[in-house]
């Protein structure tokens, strides 16, 4: 679900850039990148309970 929100945020940044609002598009893109890294670190630090 959180990846869908990130995907939509990247899409919104592209649409805003297409409209021509450069500063807002750059801000949305930077926000999306920061949230993507935070989401990655959140999932990368989860421990997996594996039993073989």
C-alpha atoms as a PDB file:
ATOM      1  CA  UNK A   1       0.000   0.000   0.000  1.00  0.00           C
ATOM      2  CA  UNK A   2       2.800   2.400   0.812  1.00  0.00           C
ATOM      3  CA  UNK A   3       4.498   1.696  -2.524  1.00  0.00           C
ATOM      4  CA  UNK A   4       1.258   2.665  -4.272  1.00  0.00           C
ATOM      5  CA  UNK A   5       1.279   6.008  -2.464  1.00  0.00           C
ATOM      6  CA  UNK A   6       4.906   6.548  -3.497  1.00  0.00           C
ATOM      7  CA  UNK A   7       4.068   5.645  -7.099  1.00  0.00           C
ATOM      8  CA  UNK A   8       1.211   8.153  -7.096  1.00  0.00           C
ATOM      9  CA  UNK A   9       3.488  10.805  -5.581  1.00  0.00           C
ATOM     10  CA  UNK A  10       6.057  10.273  -8.352  1.00  0.00           C
ATOM     11  CA  UNK A  11       3.221  10.450 -10.888  1.00  0.00           C
ATOM     12  CA  UNK A  12       1.969  13.694  -9.366  1.00  0.00           C
ATOM     13  CA  UNK A  13       5.483  15.133  -9.580  1.00  0.00           C
ATOM     14  CA  UNK A  14       5.634  14.227 -13.270  1.00  0.00           C
ATOM     15  CA  UNK A  15       2.232  15.771 -13.966  1.00  0.00           C
ATOM     16  CA  UNK A  16       3.176  18.965 -12.141  1.00  0.00           C
ATOM     17  CA  UNK A  17       6.421  19.113 -14.123  1.00  0.00           C
ATOM     18  CA  UNK A  18       4.485  18.643 -17.350  1.00  0.00           C
ATOM     19  CA  UNK A  19       2.191  21.540 -16.436  1.00  0.00           C
ATOM     20  CA  UNK A  20       5.263  23.691 -15.949  1.00  0.00           C
ATOM     21  CA  UNK A  21       5.487  24.335 -12.210  1.00  0.00           C
ATOM     22  CA  UNK A  22       9.185  23.577 -11.880  1.00  0.00           C
ATOM     23  CA  UNK A  23       9.779  24.388  -8.193  1.00  0.00           C
ATOM     24  CA  UNK A  24       6.743  22.413  -7.032  1.00  0.00           C
ATOM     25  CA  UNK A  25       7.729  19.439  -9.206  1.00  0.00           C
ATOM     26  CA  UNK A  26      11.261  19.427  -7.798  1.00  0.00           C
ATOM     27  CA  UNK A  27       9.858  19.604  -4.260  1.00  0.00           C
ATOM     28  CA  UNK A  28       7.460  16.720  -4.865  1.00  0.00           C
ATOM     29  CA  UNK A  29      10.207  14.657  -6.462  1.00  0.00           C
ATOM     30  CA  UNK A  30      12.592  15.267  -3.538  1.00  0.00           C
ATOM     31  CA  UNK A  31       9.833  14.375  -1.072  1.00  0.00           C
ATOM     32  CA  UNK A  32       9.100  11.172  -3.000  1.00  0.00           C
ATOM     33  CA  UNK A  33      12.785  10.170  -3.031  1.00  0.00           C
ATOM     34  CA  UNK A  34      13.155  10.779   0.710  1.00  0.00           C
ATOM     35  CA  UNK A  35       9.997   8.778   1.452  1.00  0.00           C
ATOM     36  CA  UNK A  36      11.175   5.974  -0.846  1.00  0.00           C
ATOM     37  CA  UNK A  37      14.489   5.712   1.001  1.00  0.00           C
ATOM     38  CA  UNK A  38      12.670   5.759   4.349  1.00  0.00           C
ATOM     39  CA  UNK A  39      10.295   3.028   3.161  1.00  0.00           C
ATOM     40  CA  UNK A  40      13.210   0.944   1.890  1.00  0.00           C
ATOM     41  CA  UNK A  41      15.095   1.272   5.178  1.00  0.00           C
ATOM     42  CA  UNK A  42      11.936   0.378   7.099  1.00  0.00           C
ATOM     43  CA  UNK A  43      11.509  -2.839   5.126  1.00  0.00           C
ATOM     44  CA  UNK A  44      15.215  -3.662   4.855  1.00  0.00           C
ATOM     45  CA  UNK A  45      15.635  -3.751   8.629  1.00  0.00           C
ATOM     46  CA  UNK A  46      12.755  -6.177   9.242  1.00  0.00           C
ATOM     47  CA  UNK A  47      13.936  -9.554  10.446  1.00  0.00           C
ATOM     48  CA  UNK A  48      12.599 -12.630   8.720  1.00  0.00           C
ATOM     49  CA  UNK A  49      11.625 -15.572  10.866  1.00  0.00           C
ATOM     50  CA  UNK A  50      12.776 -18.455   8.728  1.00  0.00           C
ATOM     51  CA  UNK A  51      12.692 -22.064   9.812  1.00  0.00           C
ATOM     52  CA  UNK A  52      14.229 -24.722   7.649  1.00  0.00           C
END
